[in-house]
């Protein structure tokens, strides 16, 4: 009589097993706990160039924005070393075509100066984002105020396997979750327009690059994050 051996299921060794999100649909991040996220990229304003009245108006408007929202958001600043390689390559191409020897030498000296400046000064480029979440259980997915909660969720994310039933649940809830998170996005955009800041959801392609950089940071980049949860600023 032949003995049937039960095949042992191999553990999932993929990187995705350790990530808190399961997949991206359209430009929305779907988390393993069935909550969703939309990431807005924000434009910038030169605050120091504004006069005193304009500065006060910006501060008051931002204070009102934080006091008005009844849901948590996350403000993220990404500092990346300024990349001007394409600009330098363009200058080098122009220098090669320059017939005037003096202008050609000056261009090469300018290229060398810029390279040295970037190397010594460590000039950083800053990008600003706002993460808008939504889940069905009163923002449970972003309530990380307790150390015990953090440890529990950390081990859960490591050991969590995406089951077919969970994926089906995500698909069923996606339309409603999308509708609700877009309402929150609209609120954030409207308030930021009052202080001349334009906030637009990043596309799916940009989102993939964003997440890849976030979870695999380079030495020349730094991520700073502030969690805003029902603050009352007076």
C-alpha atoms as a PDB file:
ATOM      1  CA  UNK A   1       0.000   0.000   0.000  1.00  0.00           C
ATOM      2  CA  UNK A   2       1.472   3.312  -1.076  1.00  0.00           C
ATOM      3  CA  UNK A   3       1.982   5.914   1.600  1.00  0.00           C
ATOM      4  CA  UNK A   4       0.804   9.396   0.750  1.00  0.00           C
ATOM      5  CA  UNK A   5       3.075  12.083   2.090  1.00  0.00           C
ATOM      6  CA  UNK A   6       1.452  15.387   2.956  1.00  0.00           C
ATOM      7  CA  UNK A   7       3.283  18.151   1.194  1.00  0.00           C
ATOM      8  CA  UNK A   8       4.532  20.771   3.623  1.00  0.00           C
ATOM      9  CA  UNK A   9       3.578  24.315   2.749  1.00  0.00           C
ATOM     10  CA  UNK A  10       6.635  26.485   2.405  1.00  0.00           C
ATOM     11  CA  UNK A  11       6.728  29.743   4.291  1.00  0.00           C
ATOM     12  CA  UNK A  12       6.311  32.886   2.304  1.00  0.00           C
ATOM     13  CA  UNK A  13       9.777  34.439   1.993  1.00  0.00           C
ATOM     14  CA  UNK A  14       8.828  37.353  -0.237  1.00  0.00           C
ATOM     15  CA  UNK A  15       9.518  40.927   0.816  1.00  0.00           C
ATOM     16  CA  UNK A  16       5.820  41.775   0.479  1.00  0.00           C
ATOM     17  CA  UNK A  17       5.089  39.621   3.512  1.00  0.00           C
ATOM     18  CA  UNK A  18       6.809  42.227   5.711  1.00  0.00           C
ATOM     19  CA  UNK A  19       5.045  45.258   4.223  1.00  0.00           C
ATOM     20  CA  UNK A  20       1.863  46.704   5.796  1.00  0.00           C
ATOM     21  CA  UNK A  21       0.060  47.131   2.476  1.00  0.00           C
ATOM     22  CA  UNK A  22      -1.156  44.384   0.160  1.00  0.00           C
ATOM     23  CA  UNK A  23      -1.610  46.103  -3.192  1.00  0.00           C
ATOM     24  CA  UNK A  24      -2.303  49.323  -5.097  1.00  0.00           C
ATOM     25  CA  UNK A  25      -5.528  49.909  -7.019  1.00  0.00           C
ATOM     26  CA  UNK A  26      -5.731  53.028  -9.173  1.00  0.00           C
ATOM     27  CA  UNK A  27      -3.764  55.493  -7.020  1.00  0.00           C
ATOM     28  CA  UNK A  28      -4.986  54.150  -3.669  1.00  0.00           C
ATOM     29  CA  UNK A  29      -2.921  52.047  -1.266  1.00  0.00           C
ATOM     30  CA  UNK A  30      -4.886  49.128   0.179  1.00  0.00           C
ATOM     31  CA  UNK A  31      -3.519  48.036   3.546  1.00  0.00           C
ATOM     32  CA  UNK A  32      -3.560  44.493   4.889  1.00  0.00           C
ATOM     33  CA  UNK A  33      -6.070  45.558   7.546  1.00  0.00           C
ATOM     34  CA  UNK A  34      -8.483  46.652   4.735  1.00  0.00           C
ATOM     35  CA  UNK A  35      -7.938  50.380   5.336  1.00  0.00           C
ATOM     36  CA  UNK A  36      -6.831  52.646   2.479  1.00  0.00           C
ATOM     37  CA  UNK A  37      -4.435  55.552   1.964  1.00  0.00           C
ATOM     38  CA  UNK A  38      -4.104  58.355  -0.577  1.00  0.00           C
ATOM     39  CA  UNK A  39      -0.871  60.352  -0.741  1.00  0.00           C
ATOM     40  CA  UNK A  40      -1.014  64.017  -1.732  1.00  0.00           C
ATOM     41  CA  UNK A  41       2.047  65.840  -3.023  1.00  0.00           C
ATOM     42  CA  UNK A  42       2.027  69.474  -1.925  1.00  0.00           C
ATOM     43  CA  UNK A  43       3.427  72.532  -3.621  1.00  0.00           C
ATOM     44  CA  UNK A  44       5.528  74.977  -1.623  1.00  0.00           C
ATOM     45  CA  UNK A  45       5.438  78.673  -0.800  1.00  0.00           C
ATOM     46  CA  UNK A  46       8.338  80.909   0.215  1.00  0.00           C
ATOM     47  CA  UNK A  47       7.128  81.946   3.646  1.00  0.00           C
ATOM     48  CA  UNK A  48      10.073  84.256   4.381  1.00  0.00           C
ATOM     49  CA  UNK A  49       9.395  86.374   1.298  1.00  0.00           C
ATOM     50  CA  UNK A  50       5.858  87.175   2.463  1.00  0.00           C
ATOM     51  CA  UNK A  51       5.161  90.340   4.404  1.00  0.00           C
ATOM     52  CA  UNK A  52       4.077  90.174   8.042  1.00  0.00           C
ATOM     53  CA  UNK A  53       0.350  90.278   7.296  1.00  0.00           C
ATOM     54  CA  UNK A  54       0.635  87.472   4.747  1.00  0.00           C
ATOM     55  CA  UNK A  55       2.701  85.362   7.143  1.00  0.00           C
ATOM     56  CA  UNK A  56       0.125  85.830   9.905  1.00  0.00           C
ATOM     57  CA  UNK A  57      -2.664  84.906   7.477  1.00  0.00           C
ATOM     58  CA  UNK A  58      -0.859  81.700   6.471  1.00  0.00           C
ATOM     59  CA  UNK A  59      -0.259  80.684  10.085  1.00  0.00           C
ATOM     60  CA  UNK A  60      -3.865  81.338  11.112  1.00  0.00           C
ATOM     61  CA  UNK A  61      -5.232  79.485   8.064  1.00  0.00           C
ATOM     62  CA  UNK A  62      -3.024  76.478   8.762  1.00  0.00           C
ATOM     63  CA  UNK A  63      -4.091  76.508  12.406  1.00  0.00           C
ATOM     64  CA  UNK A  64      -7.741  76.528  11.331  1.00  0.00           C
ATOM     65  CA  UNK A  65      -7.056  73.669   8.943  1.00  0.00           C
ATOM     66  CA  UNK A  66      -5.621  71.485  11.712  1.00  0.00           C
ATOM     67  CA  UNK A  67      -8.484  72.352  14.057  1.00  0.00           C
ATOM     68  CA  UNK A  68     -11.167  71.717  11.451  1.00  0.00           C
ATOM     69  CA  UNK A  69     -10.341  68.187  10.338  1.00  0.00           C
ATOM     70  CA  UNK A  70     -12.022  65.419  12.327  1.00  0.00           C
ATOM     71  CA  UNK A  71      -9.782  62.664  10.998  1.00  0.00           C
ATOM     72  CA  UNK A  72      -6.056  61.928  11.376  1.00  0.00           C
ATOM     73  CA  UNK A  73      -3.527  62.810   8.690  1.00  0.00           C
ATOM     74  CA  UNK A  74       0.188  62.329   8.320  1.00  0.00           C
ATOM     75  CA  UNK A  75       2.519  65.093   7.143  1.00  0.00           C
ATOM     76  CA  UNK A  76       5.726  63.851   5.577  1.00  0.00           C
ATOM     77  CA  UNK A  77       8.833  65.754   4.475  1.00  0.00           C
ATOM     78  CA  UNK A  78      11.355  63.991   2.261  1.00  0.00           C
ATOM     79  CA  UNK A  79      14.839  65.485   2.083  1.00  0.00           C
ATOM     80  CA  UNK A  80      16.873  64.240  -0.860  1.00  0.00           C
ATOM     81  CA  UNK A  81      20.287  65.267  -2.065  1.00  0.00           C
ATOM     82  CA  UNK A  82      19.861  67.601  -5.030  1.00  0.00           C
ATOM     83  CA  UNK A  83      20.436  65.743  -8.295  1.00  0.00           C
ATOM     84  CA  UNK A  84      21.666  68.013 -11.093  1.00  0.00           C
ATOM     85  CA  UNK A  85      23.353  65.364 -13.239  1.00  0.00           C
ATOM     86  CA  UNK A  86      21.024  65.990 -16.178  1.00  0.00           C
ATOM     87  CA  UNK A  87      21.718  69.734 -15.963  1.00  0.00           C
ATOM     88  CA  UNK A  88      25.480  69.154 -15.842  1.00  0.00           C
ATOM     89  CA  UNK A  89      25.306  66.766 -18.788  1.00  0.00           C
ATOM     90  CA  UNK A  90      23.420  69.406 -20.755  1.00  0.00           C
ATOM     91  CA  UNK A  91      26.076  72.006 -19.930  1.00  0.00           C
ATOM     92  CA  UNK A  92      28.824  69.595 -20.939  1.00  0.00           C
ATOM     93  CA  UNK A  93      27.125  68.949 -24.295  1.00  0.00           C
ATOM     94  CA  UNK A  94      26.889  72.680 -24.934  1.00  0.00           C
ATOM     95  CA  UNK A  95      30.542  73.143 -24.000  1.00  0.00           C
ATOM     96  CA  UNK A  96      31.605  70.533 -26.544  1.00  0.00           C
ATOM     97  CA  UNK A  97      29.744  72.415 -29.271  1.00  0.00           C
ATOM     98  CA  UNK A  98      31.104  75.800 -28.203  1.00  0.00           C
ATOM     99  CA  UNK A  99      33.495  77.191 -30.818  1.00  0.00           C
ATOM    100  CA  UNK A 100      34.755  80.042 -28.647  1.00  0.00           C
ATOM    101  CA  UNK A 101      37.621  78.609 -26.590  1.00  0.00           C
ATOM    102  CA  UNK A 102      37.206  81.151 -23.804  1.00  0.00           C
ATOM    103  CA  UNK A 103      33.488  80.452 -23.369  1.00  0.00           C
ATOM    104  CA  UNK A 104      34.160  76.723 -23.503  1.00  0.00           C
ATOM    105  CA  UNK A 105      36.733  76.958 -20.688  1.00  0.00           C
ATOM    106  CA  UNK A 106      34.366  79.113 -18.613  1.00  0.00           C
ATOM    107  CA  UNK A 107      31.604  76.516 -19.049  1.00  0.00           C
ATOM    108  CA  UNK A 108      33.899  73.714 -17.870  1.00  0.00           C
ATOM    109  CA  UNK A 109      34.937  75.813 -14.872  1.00  0.00           C
ATOM    110  CA  UNK A 110      31.267  76.457 -14.058  1.00  0.00           C
ATOM    111  CA  UNK A 111      30.534  72.709 -14.213  1.00  0.00           C
ATOM    112  CA  UNK A 112      33.436  71.986 -11.868  1.00  0.00           C
ATOM    113  CA  UNK A 113      32.209  74.716  -9.492  1.00  0.00           C
ATOM    114  CA  UNK A 114      28.680  73.261  -9.338  1.00  0.00           C
ATOM    115  CA  UNK A 115      30.015  69.746  -8.676  1.00  0.00           C
ATOM    116  CA  UNK A 116      32.184  71.038  -5.837  1.00  0.00           C
ATOM    117  CA  UNK A 117      29.313  73.113  -4.411  1.00  0.00           C
ATOM    118  CA  UNK A 118      26.940  70.139  -4.302  1.00  0.00           C
ATOM    119  CA  UNK A 119      29.623  67.940  -2.763  1.00  0.00           C
ATOM    120  CA  UNK A 120      30.662  70.388  -0.036  1.00  0.00           C
ATOM    121  CA  UNK A 121      27.379  72.117   0.778  1.00  0.00           C
ATOM    122  CA  UNK A 122      25.231  68.943   0.688  1.00  0.00           C
ATOM    123  CA  UNK A 123      22.313  70.852  -0.839  1.00  0.00           C
ATOM    124  CA  UNK A 124      19.049  69.017  -0.183  1.00  0.00           C
ATOM    125  CA  UNK A 125      15.778  69.108  -2.081  1.00  0.00           C
ATOM    126  CA  UNK A 126      12.640  68.893   0.054  1.00  0.00           C
ATOM    127  CA  UNK A 127       9.350  67.321  -1.004  1.00  0.00           C
ATOM    128  CA  UNK A 128       6.154  67.613   1.034  1.00  0.00           C
ATOM    129  CA  UNK A 129       3.377  65.026   1.259  1.00  0.00           C
ATOM    130  CA  UNK A 130       0.157  64.478   3.195  1.00  0.00           C
ATOM    131  CA  UNK A 131      -1.103  60.936   3.780  1.00  0.00           C
ATOM    132  CA  UNK A 132      -4.889  60.709   4.083  1.00  0.00           C
ATOM    133  CA  UNK A 133      -6.223  57.443   5.591  1.00  0.00           C
ATOM    134  CA  UNK A 134      -9.635  55.852   5.872  1.00  0.00           C
ATOM    135  CA  UNK A 135     -10.915  52.677   7.486  1.00  0.00           C
ATOM    136  CA  UNK A 136     -14.291  51.445   8.642  1.00  0.00           C
ATOM    137  CA  UNK A 137     -13.427  51.148  12.343  1.00  0.00           C
ATOM    138  CA  UNK A 138     -13.034  54.746  13.546  1.00  0.00           C
ATOM    139  CA  UNK A 139      -9.452  55.196  12.361  1.00  0.00           C
ATOM    140  CA  UNK A 140      -8.316  52.068  14.176  1.00  0.00           C
ATOM    141  CA  UNK A 141      -5.518  51.499  11.669  1.00  0.00           C
ATOM    142  CA  UNK A 142      -3.760  54.753  12.601  1.00  0.00           C
ATOM    143  CA  UNK A 143      -4.186  54.675  16.382  1.00  0.00           C
ATOM    144  CA  UNK A 144      -0.619  53.886  17.338  1.00  0.00           C
ATOM    145  CA  UNK A 145      -0.442  55.639  20.697  1.00  0.00           C
ATOM    146  CA  UNK A 146       0.393  52.549  22.720  1.00  0.00           C
ATOM    147  CA  UNK A 147       3.641  50.637  22.748  1.00  0.00           C
ATOM    148  CA  UNK A 148       1.814  47.333  23.154  1.00  0.00           C
ATOM    149  CA  UNK A 149      -0.323  48.086  20.094  1.00  0.00           C
ATOM    150  CA  UNK A 150       2.792  48.786  18.046  1.00  0.00           C
ATOM    151  CA  UNK A 151       4.462  45.496  19.023  1.00  0.00           C
ATOM    152  CA  UNK A 152       1.260  43.534  18.343  1.00  0.00           C
ATOM    153  CA  UNK A 153       0.739  45.066  14.916  1.00  0.00           C
ATOM    154  CA  UNK A 154       4.413  44.623  14.029  1.00  0.00           C
ATOM    155  CA  UNK A 155       4.350  40.869  14.588  1.00  0.00           C
ATOM    156  CA  UNK A 156       0.948  40.623  12.946  1.00  0.00           C
ATOM    157  CA  UNK A 157       2.304  42.275   9.782  1.00  0.00           C
ATOM    158  CA  UNK A 158       5.277  39.894   9.704  1.00  0.00           C
ATOM    159  CA  UNK A 159       3.171  36.767  10.109  1.00  0.00           C
ATOM    160  CA  UNK A 160       0.195  37.916   8.079  1.00  0.00           C
ATOM    161  CA  UNK A 161      -0.452  35.988   4.875  1.00  0.00           C
ATOM    162  CA  UNK A 162      -2.834  37.351   2.301  1.00  0.00           C
ATOM    163  CA  UNK A 163      -5.720  34.898   2.159  1.00  0.00           C
ATOM    164  CA  UNK A 164      -8.272  34.729  -0.637  1.00  0.00           C
ATOM    165  CA  UNK A 165     -11.096  35.727   1.695  1.00  0.00           C
ATOM    166  CA  UNK A 166      -9.230  38.852   2.791  1.00  0.00           C
ATOM    167  CA  UNK A 167      -8.581  39.868  -0.822  1.00  0.00           C
ATOM    168  CA  UNK A 168     -12.277  39.418  -1.652  1.00  0.00           C
ATOM    169  CA  UNK A 169     -13.191  41.568   1.333  1.00  0.00           C
ATOM    170  CA  UNK A 170     -10.848  44.300   0.101  1.00  0.00           C
ATOM    171  CA  UNK A 171     -12.489  44.219  -3.327  1.00  0.00           C
ATOM    172  CA  UNK A 172     -15.988  44.442  -1.832  1.00  0.00           C
ATOM    173  CA  UNK A 173     -15.069  47.389   0.357  1.00  0.00           C
ATOM    174  CA  UNK A 174     -12.935  49.241  -2.178  1.00  0.00           C
ATOM    175  CA  UNK A 175     -15.702  51.325  -3.785  1.00  0.00           C
ATOM    176  CA  UNK A 176     -16.986  52.587  -0.441  1.00  0.00           C
ATOM    177  CA  UNK A 177     -13.487  53.144   0.971  1.00  0.00           C
ATOM    178  CA  UNK A 178     -12.497  55.058  -2.157  1.00  0.00           C
ATOM    179  CA  UNK A 179     -15.568  57.274  -1.895  1.00  0.00           C
ATOM    180  CA  UNK A 180     -14.930  58.098   1.769  1.00  0.00           C
ATOM    181  CA  UNK A 181     -11.203  58.725   1.466  1.00  0.00           C
ATOM    182  CA  UNK A 182     -11.800  61.039  -1.517  1.00  0.00           C
ATOM    183  CA  UNK A 183     -14.143  63.084   0.674  1.00  0.00           C
ATOM    184  CA  UNK A 184     -11.301  63.564   3.132  1.00  0.00           C
ATOM    185  CA  UNK A 185      -8.891  64.396   0.321  1.00  0.00           C
ATOM    186  CA  UNK A 186     -11.284  67.087  -0.909  1.00  0.00           C
ATOM    187  CA  UNK A 187     -11.409  68.632   2.581  1.00  0.00           C
ATOM    188  CA  UNK A 188      -7.602  68.747   2.795  1.00  0.00           C
ATOM    189  CA  UNK A 189      -7.255  70.222  -0.693  1.00  0.00           C
ATOM    190  CA  UNK A 190      -9.856  72.913  -0.038  1.00  0.00           C
ATOM    191  CA  UNK A 191      -8.218  74.084   3.176  1.00  0.00           C
ATOM    192  CA  UNK A 192      -4.707  74.103   1.710  1.00  0.00           C
ATOM    193  CA  UNK A 193      -5.869  76.207  -1.222  1.00  0.00           C
ATOM    194  CA  UNK A 194      -6.625  78.943   1.313  1.00  0.00           C
ATOM    195  CA  UNK A 195      -2.894  79.202   2.014  1.00  0.00           C
ATOM    196  CA  UNK A 196      -1.887  78.957  -1.654  1.00  0.00           C
ATOM    197  CA  UNK A 197      -0.750  75.349  -1.426  1.00  0.00           C
ATOM    198  CA  UNK A 198      -1.799  72.955  -4.161  1.00  0.00           C
ATOM    199  CA  UNK A 199      -2.132  69.316  -3.067  1.00  0.00           C
ATOM    200  CA  UNK A 200      -2.664  66.642  -5.713  1.00  0.00           C
ATOM    201  CA  UNK A 201      -2.867  62.831  -5.346  1.00  0.00           C
ATOM    202  CA  UNK A 202       0.171  61.190  -6.862  1.00  0.00           C
ATOM    203  CA  UNK A 203      -0.429  58.754  -9.722  1.00  0.00           C
ATOM    204  CA  UNK A 204      -0.103  54.994  -9.446  1.00  0.00           C
ATOM    205  CA  UNK A 205       3.257  55.044 -11.226  1.00  0.00           C
ATOM    206  CA  UNK A 206       4.572  57.762  -8.893  1.00  0.00           C
ATOM    207  CA  UNK A 207       3.159  55.857  -5.934  1.00  0.00           C
ATOM    208  CA  UNK A 208       5.140  52.730  -6.798  1.00  0.00           C
ATOM    209  CA  UNK A 209       8.371  54.754  -6.953  1.00  0.00           C
ATOM    210  CA  UNK A 210       7.459  56.595  -3.750  1.00  0.00           C
ATOM    211  CA  UNK A 211       6.907  53.375  -1.781  1.00  0.00           C
ATOM    212  CA  UNK A 212      10.042  51.763  -3.196  1.00  0.00           C
ATOM    213  CA  UNK A 213      12.116  54.746  -2.058  1.00  0.00           C
ATOM    214  CA  UNK A 214      10.369  54.899   1.316  1.00  0.00           C
ATOM    215  CA  UNK A 215      10.961  51.253   2.220  1.00  0.00           C
ATOM    216  CA  UNK A 216      14.425  51.177   0.656  1.00  0.00           C
ATOM    217  CA  UNK A 217      15.877  54.584   1.595  1.00  0.00           C
ATOM    218  CA  UNK A 218      19.195  55.711   0.212  1.00  0.00           C
ATOM    219  CA  UNK A 219      21.992  57.258   2.275  1.00  0.00           C
ATOM    220  CA  UNK A 220      21.378  60.638   0.644  1.00  0.00           C
ATOM    221  CA  UNK A 221      17.711  60.852   1.686  1.00  0.00           C
ATOM    222  CA  UNK A 222      15.803  61.415   4.919  1.00  0.00           C
ATOM    223  CA  UNK A 223      12.106  61.011   5.750  1.00  0.00           C
ATOM    224  CA  UNK A 224      10.501  63.093   8.514  1.00  0.00           C
ATOM    225  CA  UNK A 225       6.908  62.316   9.522  1.00  0.00           C
ATOM    226  CA  UNK A 226       4.381  64.105  11.746  1.00  0.00           C
ATOM    227  CA  UNK A 227       1.154  62.399  12.792  1.00  0.00           C
ATOM    228  CA  UNK A 228      -1.756  64.838  13.216  1.00  0.00           C
ATOM    229  CA  UNK A 229      -4.633  63.317  15.188  1.00  0.00           C
ATOM    230  CA  UNK A 230      -7.399  65.690  16.288  1.00  0.00           C
ATOM    231  CA  UNK A 231      -5.107  68.449  17.486  1.00  0.00           C
ATOM    232  CA  UNK A 232      -6.667  71.557  18.957  1.00  0.00           C
ATOM    233  CA  UNK A 233      -4.410  74.549  18.421  1.00  0.00           C
ATOM    234  CA  UNK A 234      -5.424  77.876  19.915  1.00  0.00           C
END
